[in-house]
Amino acid sequence: MYHVYILRCADDTLYTGIATELQRRIDEHNHSSRGAKYTMCRRPVTLVYSEIYEDRSSASRREHEIKKKMTRAQKLNLIKD
């Protein structure tokens, strides 16, 4: 299983990513040098949304859609629903 997730950073920006072990990945974003460069200086981060996909290909397509094709307002609406 693959998780596509959205994190809210301490500066109120949003970060979208993909992971096989969601809780481990969130812990990395918050406490490790293995987290994304983007989130390292924006800690702490909080999980605000996630979706599950059976294969990496589907999850990667969805991650790209959220990251590159959705506006911040659309992402906030997705989180809200």
PDB file of N, CA and C in Angstrom:
ATOM      1  N   MET A   1       0.824  -1.187   0.000  1.00  0.00           N
ATOM      2  CA  MET A   1       0.000   0.000   0.000  1.00  0.00           C
ATOM      3  C   MET A   1       0.870   1.253   0.000  1.00  0.00           C
ATOM      4  N   TYR A   2       0.378   2.274  -0.662  1.00  0.00           N
ATOM      5  CA  TYR A   2       1.060   3.563  -0.719  1.00  0.00           C
ATOM      6  C   TYR A   2       0.106   4.643  -0.240  1.00  0.00           C
ATOM      7  N   HIS A   3       0.635   5.551   0.527  1.00  0.00           N
ATOM      8  CA  HIS A   3      -0.141   6.661   1.052  1.00  0.00           C
ATOM      9  C   HIS A   3       0.287   7.942   0.348  1.00  0.00           C
ATOM     10  N   VAL A   4      -0.677   8.690  -0.134  1.00  0.00           N
ATOM     11  CA  VAL A   4      -0.443  10.048  -0.596  1.00  0.00           C
ATOM     12  C   VAL A   4      -0.942  10.924   0.541  1.00  0.00           C
ATOM     13  N   TYR A   5      -0.112  11.852   0.985  1.00  0.00           N
ATOM     14  CA  TYR A   5      -0.473  12.608   2.179  1.00  0.00           C
ATOM     15  C   TYR A   5      -0.184  14.088   2.009  1.00  0.00           C
ATOM     16  N   ILE A   6      -0.881  14.872   2.814  1.00  0.00           N
ATOM     17  CA  ILE A   6      -0.641  16.311   2.877  1.00  0.00           C
ATOM     18  C   ILE A   6      -0.334  16.657   4.325  1.00  0.00           C
ATOM     19  N   LEU A   7       0.748  17.400   4.504  1.00  0.00           N
ATOM     20  CA  LEU A   7       1.142  17.880   5.818  1.00  0.00           C
ATOM     21  C   LEU A   7       0.944  19.388   5.890  1.00  0.00           C
ATOM     22  N   ARG A   8       0.547  19.857   7.053  1.00  0.00           N
ATOM     23  CA  ARG A   8       0.536  21.300   7.311  1.00  0.00           C
ATOM     24  C   ARG A   8       1.792  21.604   8.111  1.00  0.00           C
ATOM     25  N   CYS A   9       2.586  22.514   7.587  1.00  0.00           N
ATOM     26  CA  CYS A   9       3.845  22.882   8.242  1.00  0.00           C
ATOM     27  C   CYS A   9       3.593  23.990   9.266  1.00  0.00           C
ATOM     28  N   ALA A  10       4.584  24.222  10.121  1.00  0.00           N
ATOM     29  CA  ALA A  10       4.476  25.232  11.173  1.00  0.00           C
ATOM     30  C   ALA A  10       4.230  26.629  10.609  1.00  0.00           C
ATOM     31  N   ASP A  11       4.693  26.898   9.390  1.00  0.00           N
ATOM     32  CA  ASP A  11       4.482  28.209   8.770  1.00  0.00           C
ATOM     33  C   ASP A  11       3.182  28.258   7.962  1.00  0.00           C
ATOM     34  N   ASP A  12       2.323  27.247   8.150  1.00  0.00           N
ATOM     35  CA  ASP A  12       1.006  27.127   7.517  1.00  0.00           C
ATOM     36  C   ASP A  12       1.065  26.817   6.016  1.00  0.00           C
ATOM     37  N   THR A  13       2.224  26.405   5.515  1.00  0.00           N
ATOM     38  CA  THR A  13       2.293  25.935   4.139  1.00  0.00           C
ATOM     39  C   THR A  13       1.904  24.457   4.116  1.00  0.00           C
ATOM     40  N   LEU A  14       1.639  23.947   2.922  1.00  0.00           N
ATOM     41  CA  LEU A  14       1.246  22.551   2.752  1.00  0.00           C
ATOM     42  C   LEU A  14       2.330  21.810   1.997  1.00  0.00           C
ATOM     43  N   TYR A  15       2.569  20.561   2.398  1.00  0.00           N
ATOM     44  CA  TYR A  15       3.547  19.700   1.736  1.00  0.00           C
ATOM     45  C   TYR A  15       2.852  18.406   1.367  1.00  0.00           C
ATOM     46  N   THR A  16       3.015  17.962   0.141  1.00  0.00           N
ATOM     47  CA  THR A  16       2.408  16.715  -0.328  1.00  0.00           C
ATOM     48  C   THR A  16       3.504  15.698  -0.602  1.00  0.00           C
ATOM     49  N   GLY A  17       3.270  14.450  -0.174  1.00  0.00           N
ATOM     50  CA  GLY A  17       4.260  13.409  -0.379  1.00  0.00           C
ATOM     51  C   GLY A  17       3.614  12.045  -0.533  1.00  0.00           C
ATOM     52  N   ILE A  18       4.468  11.041  -0.648  1.00  0.00           N
ATOM     53  CA  ILE A  18       4.037   9.655  -0.823  1.00  0.00           C
ATOM     54  C   ILE A  18       4.892   8.784   0.097  1.00  0.00           C
ATOM     55  N   ALA A  19       4.283   7.756   0.682  1.00  0.00           N
ATOM     56  CA  ALA A  19       5.019   6.883   1.603  1.00  0.00           C
ATOM     57  C   ALA A  19       4.355   5.516   1.684  1.00  0.00           C
ATOM     58  N   THR A  20       5.147   4.513   2.034  1.00  0.00           N
ATOM     59  CA  THR A  20       4.583   3.187   2.277  1.00  0.00           C
ATOM     60  C   THR A  20       4.238   3.024   3.752  1.00  0.00           C
ATOM     61  N   GLU A  21       4.993   3.665   4.622  1.00  0.00           N
ATOM     62  CA  GLU A  21       4.733   3.627   6.067  1.00  0.00           C
ATOM     63  C   GLU A  21       4.491   5.057   6.520  1.00  0.00           C
ATOM     64  N   LEU A  22       3.249   5.451   6.575  1.00  0.00           N
ATOM     65  CA  LEU A  22       2.883   6.846   6.786  1.00  0.00           C
ATOM     66  C   LEU A  22       3.395   7.397   8.119  1.00  0.00           C
ATOM     67  N   GLN A  23       3.172   6.713   9.212  1.00  0.00           N
ATOM     68  CA  GLN A  23       3.592   7.243  10.512  1.00  0.00           C
ATOM     69  C   GLN A  23       5.111   7.388  10.606  1.00  0.00           C
ATOM     70  N   ARG A  24       5.836   6.414  10.065  1.00  0.00           N
ATOM     71  CA  ARG A  24       7.299   6.511  10.055  1.00  0.00           C
ATOM     72  C   ARG A  24       7.744   7.740   9.268  1.00  0.00           C
ATOM     73  N   ARG A  25       7.090   7.977   8.141  1.00  0.00           N
ATOM     74  CA  ARG A  25       7.463   9.099   7.289  1.00  0.00           C
ATOM     75  C   ARG A  25       7.180  10.440   7.973  1.00  0.00           C
ATOM     76  N   ILE A  26       6.060  10.533   8.657  1.00  0.00           N
ATOM     77  CA  ILE A  26       5.745  11.760   9.384  1.00  0.00           C
ATOM     78  C   ILE A  26       6.785  11.994  10.476  1.00  0.00           C
ATOM     79  N   ASP A  27       7.156  10.929  11.174  1.00  0.00           N
ATOM     80  CA  ASP A  27       8.200  11.032  12.193  1.00  0.00           C
ATOM     81  C   ASP A  27       9.514  11.515  11.583  1.00  0.00           C
ATOM     82  N   GLU A  28       9.844  11.034  10.396  1.00  0.00           N
ATOM     83  CA  GLU A  28      11.053  11.491   9.707  1.00  0.00           C
ATOM     84  C   GLU A  28      10.961  12.979   9.390  1.00  0.00           C
ATOM     85  N   HIS A  29       9.806  13.416   8.916  1.00  0.00           N
ATOM     86  CA  HIS A  29       9.632  14.842   8.611  1.00  0.00           C
ATOM     87  C   HIS A  29       9.827  15.695   9.863  1.00  0.00           C
ATOM     88  N   ASN A  30       9.396  15.200  11.004  1.00  0.00           N
ATOM     89  CA  ASN A  30       9.449  15.981  12.236  1.00  0.00           C
ATOM     90  C   ASN A  30      10.748  15.862  13.026  1.00  0.00           C
ATOM     91  N   HIS A  31      11.442  14.719  12.938  1.00  0.00           N
ATOM     92  CA  HIS A  31      12.535  14.469  13.876  1.00  0.00           C
ATOM     93  C   HIS A  31      13.845  14.011  13.254  1.00  0.00           C
ATOM     94  N   SER A  32      13.906  13.858  11.959  1.00  0.00           N
ATOM     95  CA  SER A  32      15.071  13.230  11.354  1.00  0.00           C
ATOM     96  C   SER A  32      15.619  14.068  10.210  1.00  0.00           C
ATOM     97  N   SER A  33      16.849  13.812   9.870  1.00  0.00           N
ATOM     98  CA  SER A  33      17.433  14.449   8.684  1.00  0.00           C
ATOM     99  C   SER A  33      16.958  13.748   7.409  1.00  0.00           C
ATOM    100  N   ARG A  34      16.208  12.661   7.557  1.00  0.00           N
ATOM    101  CA  ARG A  34      15.693  11.931   6.401  1.00  0.00           C
ATOM    102  C   ARG A  34      14.386  12.515   5.879  1.00  0.00           C
ATOM    103  N   GLY A  35      13.836  13.499   6.591  1.00  0.00           N
ATOM    104  CA  GLY A  35      12.629  14.177   6.120  1.00  0.00           C
ATOM    105  C   GLY A  35      12.961  15.027   4.906  1.00  0.00           C
ATOM    106  N   ALA A  36      11.962  15.528   4.251  1.00  0.00           N
ATOM    107  CA  ALA A  36      12.177  16.375   3.074  1.00  0.00           C
ATOM    108  C   ALA A  36      12.874  17.672   3.454  1.00  0.00           C
ATOM    109  N   LYS A  37      13.707  18.155   2.565  1.00  0.00           N
ATOM    110  CA  LYS A  37      14.407  19.411   2.792  1.00  0.00           C
ATOM    111  C   LYS A  37      13.407  20.540   3.064  1.00  0.00           C
ATOM    112  N   TYR A  38      12.289  20.507   2.354  1.00  0.00           N
ATOM    113  CA  TYR A  38      11.261  21.535   2.509  1.00  0.00           C
ATOM    114  C   TYR A  38      10.715  21.582   3.938  1.00  0.00           C
ATOM    115  N   THR A  39      10.482  20.427   4.540  1.00  0.00           N
ATOM    116  CA  THR A  39       9.860  20.403   5.866  1.00  0.00           C
ATOM    117  C   THR A  39      10.865  20.583   6.999  1.00  0.00           C
ATOM    118  N   MET A  40      12.130  20.400   6.743  1.00  0.00           N
ATOM    119  CA  MET A  40      13.134  20.478   7.817  1.00  0.00           C
ATOM    120  C   MET A  40      13.131  21.826   8.531  1.00  0.00           C
ATOM    121  N   CYS A  41      12.963  22.895   7.810  1.00  0.00           N
ATOM    122  CA  CYS A  41      12.973  24.220   8.430  1.00  0.00           C
ATOM    123  C   CYS A  41      11.562  24.729   8.712  1.00  0.00           C
ATOM    124  N   ARG A  42      10.571  23.847   8.579  1.00  0.00           N
ATOM    125  CA  ARG A  42       9.180  24.226   8.805  1.00  0.00           C
ATOM    126  C   ARG A  42       8.507  23.315   9.825  1.00  0.00           C
ATOM    127  N   ARG A  43       9.280  22.782  10.734  1.00  0.00           N
ATOM    128  CA  ARG A  43       8.764  21.871  11.750  1.00  0.00           C
ATOM    129  C   ARG A  43       8.095  22.639  12.870  1.00  0.00           C
ATOM    130  N   PRO A  44       7.147  22.027  13.557  1.00  0.00           N
ATOM    131  CA  PRO A  44       6.634  20.675  13.346  1.00  0.00           C
ATOM    132  C   PRO A  44       5.608  20.644  12.213  1.00  0.00           C
ATOM    133  N   VAL A  45       5.439  19.463  11.657  1.00  0.00           N
ATOM    134  CA  VAL A  45       4.428  19.258  10.630  1.00  0.00           C
ATOM    135  C   VAL A  45       3.329  18.357  11.196  1.00  0.00           C
ATOM    136  N   THR A  46       2.130  18.529  10.653  1.00  0.00           N
ATOM    137  CA  THR A  46       0.980  17.762  11.108  1.00  0.00           C
ATOM    138  C   THR A  46       0.283  17.144   9.908  1.00  0.00           C
ATOM    139  N   LEU A  47      -0.057  15.879  10.012  1.00  0.00           N
ATOM    140  CA  LEU A  47      -0.810  15.217   8.951  1.00  0.00           C
ATOM    141  C   LEU A  47      -2.225  15.782   8.924  1.00  0.00           C
ATOM    142  N   VAL A  48      -2.653  16.268   7.751  1.00  0.00           N
ATOM    143  CA  VAL A  48      -4.009  16.805   7.627  1.00  0.00           C
ATOM    144  C   VAL A  48      -4.857  16.043   6.618  1.00  0.00           C
ATOM    145  N   TYR A  49      -4.219  15.172   5.806  1.00  0.00           N
ATOM    146  CA  TYR A  49      -4.977  14.444   4.786  1.00  0.00           C
ATOM    147  C   TYR A  49      -4.153  13.270   4.270  1.00  0.00           C
ATOM    148  N   SER A  50      -4.837  12.161   3.966  1.00  0.00           N
ATOM    149  CA  SER A  50      -4.150  11.042   3.305  1.00  0.00           C
ATOM    150  C   SER A  50      -5.142  10.201   2.509  1.00  0.00           C
ATOM    151  N   GLU A  51      -4.615   9.563   1.496  1.00  0.00           N
ATOM    152  CA  GLU A  51      -5.357   8.622   0.654  1.00  0.00           C
ATOM    153  C   GLU A  51      -4.493   7.377   0.503  1.00  0.00           C
ATOM    154  N   ILE A  52      -5.125   6.232   0.277  1.00  0.00           N
ATOM    155  CA  ILE A  52      -4.398   4.970   0.120  1.00  0.00           C
ATOM    156  C   ILE A  52      -4.545   4.461  -1.312  1.00  0.00           C
ATOM    157  N   TYR A  53      -3.423   3.980  -1.868  1.00  0.00           N
ATOM    158  CA  TYR A  53      -3.404   3.409  -3.207  1.00  0.00           C
ATOM    159  C   TYR A  53      -2.699   2.053  -3.157  1.00  0.00           C
ATOM    160  N   GLU A  54      -3.103   1.164  -4.029  1.00  0.00           N
ATOM    161  CA  GLU A  54      -2.550  -0.193  -4.034  1.00  0.00           C
ATOM    162  C   GLU A  54      -1.180  -0.278  -4.687  1.00  0.00           C
ATOM    163  N   ASP A  55      -0.901   0.631  -5.626  1.00  0.00           N
ATOM    164  CA  ASP A  55       0.386   0.550  -6.323  1.00  0.00           C
ATOM    165  C   ASP A  55       1.051   1.919  -6.396  1.00  0.00           C
ATOM    166  N   ARG A  56       2.355   1.891  -6.542  1.00  0.00           N
ATOM    167  CA  ARG A  56       3.150   3.125  -6.561  1.00  0.00           C
ATOM    168  C   ARG A  56       2.779   4.025  -7.735  1.00  0.00           C
ATOM    169  N   SER A  57       2.477   3.430  -8.857  1.00  0.00           N
ATOM    170  CA  SER A  57       2.150   4.205 -10.042  1.00  0.00           C
ATOM    171  C   SER A  57       0.918   5.086  -9.809  1.00  0.00           C
ATOM    172  N   SER A  58      -0.138   4.515  -9.271  1.00  0.00           N
ATOM    173  CA  SER A  58      -1.361   5.272  -8.995  1.00  0.00           C
ATOM    174  C   SER A  58      -1.105   6.356  -7.957  1.00  0.00           C
ATOM    175  N   ALA A  59      -0.368   6.003  -6.930  1.00  0.00           N
ATOM    176  CA  ALA A  59      -0.062   6.964  -5.868  1.00  0.00           C
ATOM    177  C   ALA A  59       0.783   8.121  -6.414  1.00  0.00           C
ATOM    178  N   SER A  60       1.740   7.816  -7.254  1.00  0.00           N
ATOM    179  CA  SER A  60       2.596   8.855  -7.834  1.00  0.00           C
ATOM    180  C   SER A  60       1.806   9.791  -8.737  1.00  0.00           C
ATOM    181  N   ARG A  61       0.884   9.242  -9.495  1.00  0.00           N
ATOM    182  CA  ARG A  61       0.028  10.084 -10.350  1.00  0.00           C
ATOM    183  C   ARG A  61      -0.807  11.038  -9.499  1.00  0.00           C
ATOM    184  N   ARG A  62      -1.366  10.519  -8.417  1.00  0.00           N
ATOM    185  CA  ARG A  62      -2.189  11.349  -7.544  1.00  0.00           C
ATOM    186  C   ARG A  62      -1.338  12.405  -6.835  1.00  0.00           C
ATOM    187  N   GLU A  63      -0.157  12.033  -6.386  1.00  0.00           N
ATOM    188  CA  GLU A  63       0.740  12.995  -5.749  1.00  0.00           C
ATOM    189  C   GLU A  63       1.044  14.137  -6.718  1.00  0.00           C
ATOM    190  N   HIS A  64       1.359  13.800  -7.949  1.00  0.00           N
ATOM    191  CA  HIS A  64       1.649  14.812  -8.961  1.00  0.00           C
ATOM    192  C   HIS A  64       0.438  15.717  -9.182  1.00  0.00           C
ATOM    193  N   GLU A  65      -0.740  15.115  -9.260  1.00  0.00           N
ATOM    194  CA  GLU A  65      -1.963  15.886  -9.467  1.00  0.00           C
ATOM    195  C   GLU A  65      -2.158  16.909  -8.336  1.00  0.00           C
ATOM    196  N   ILE A  66      -1.977  16.461  -7.107  1.00  0.00           N
ATOM    197  CA  ILE A  66      -2.157  17.359  -5.958  1.00  0.00           C
ATOM    198  C   ILE A  66      -1.063  18.426  -5.939  1.00  0.00           C
ATOM    199  N   LYS A  67       0.189  18.020  -6.112  1.00  0.00           N
ATOM    200  CA  LYS A  67       1.313  18.952  -6.023  1.00  0.00           C
ATOM    201  C   LYS A  67       1.320  19.991  -7.134  1.00  0.00           C
ATOM    202  N   LYS A  68       1.121  19.545  -8.346  1.00  0.00           N
ATOM    203  CA  LYS A  68       1.358  20.416  -9.501  1.00  0.00           C
ATOM    204  C   LYS A  68       0.105  21.002 -10.141  1.00  0.00           C
ATOM    205  N   LYS A  69      -1.025  20.359  -9.951  1.00  0.00           N
ATOM    206  CA  LYS A  69      -2.214  20.807 -10.667  1.00  0.00           C
ATOM    207  C   LYS A  69      -3.263  21.467  -9.783  1.00  0.00           C
ATOM    208  N   MET A  70      -3.138  21.326  -8.478  1.00  0.00           N
ATOM    209  CA  MET A  70      -4.121  21.904  -7.576  1.00  0.00           C
ATOM    210  C   MET A  70      -3.593  23.195  -6.958  1.00  0.00           C
ATOM    211  N   THR A  71      -4.475  24.160  -6.846  1.00  0.00           N
ATOM    212  CA  THR A  71      -4.123  25.396  -6.159  1.00  0.00           C
ATOM    213  C   THR A  71      -4.186  25.158  -4.649  1.00  0.00           C
ATOM    214  N   ARG A  72      -3.667  26.088  -3.895  1.00  0.00           N
ATOM    215  CA  ARG A  72      -3.745  25.980  -2.437  1.00  0.00           C
ATOM    216  C   ARG A  72      -5.211  25.904  -1.997  1.00  0.00           C
ATOM    217  N   ALA A  73      -6.068  26.721  -2.603  1.00  0.00           N
ATOM    218  CA  ALA A  73      -7.495  26.711  -2.248  1.00  0.00           C
ATOM    219  C   ALA A  73      -8.114  25.338  -2.512  1.00  0.00           C
ATOM    220  N   GLN A  74      -7.760  24.714  -3.613  1.00  0.00           N
ATOM    221  CA  GLN A  74      -8.281  23.375  -3.922  1.00  0.00           C
ATOM    222  C   GLN A  74      -7.769  22.351  -2.927  1.00  0.00           C
ATOM    223  N   LYS A  75      -6.512  22.468  -2.520  1.00  0.00           N
ATOM    224  CA  LYS A  75      -5.956  21.559  -1.523  1.00  0.00           C
ATOM    225  C   LYS A  75      -6.671  21.733  -0.184  1.00  0.00           C
ATOM    226  N   LEU A  76      -6.916  22.964   0.216  1.00  0.00           N
ATOM    227  CA  LEU A  76      -7.612  23.232   1.474  1.00  0.00           C
ATOM    228  C   LEU A  76      -9.036  22.671   1.427  1.00  0.00           C
ATOM    229  N   ASN A  77      -9.668  22.766   0.280  1.00  0.00           N
ATOM    230  CA  ASN A  77     -11.008  22.218   0.098  1.00  0.00           C
ATOM    231  C   ASN A  77     -10.973  20.688   0.197  1.00  0.00           C
ATOM    232  N   LEU A  78      -9.962  20.064  -0.372  1.00  0.00           N
ATOM    233  CA  LEU A  78      -9.782  18.618  -0.297  1.00  0.00           C
ATOM    234  C   LEU A  78      -9.616  18.184   1.163  1.00  0.00           C
ATOM    235  N   ILE A  79      -8.809  18.918   1.895  1.00  0.00           N
ATOM    236  CA  ILE A  79      -8.575  18.629   3.314  1.00  0.00           C
ATOM    237  C   ILE A  79      -9.869  18.766   4.102  1.00  0.00           C
ATOM    238  N   LYS A  80     -10.618  19.803   3.806  1.00  0.00           N
ATOM    239  CA  LYS A  80     -11.861  20.100   4.529  1.00  0.00           C
ATOM    240  C   LYS A  80     -12.901  19.017   4.332  1.00  0.00           C
ATOM    241  N   ASP A  81     -12.985  18.501   3.111  1.00  0.00           N
ATOM    242  CA  ASP A  81     -13.979  17.446   2.802  1.00  0.00           C
ATOM    243  C   ASP A  81     -13.500  16.165   3.357  1.00  0.00           C
TER     244      ASP A  81
END
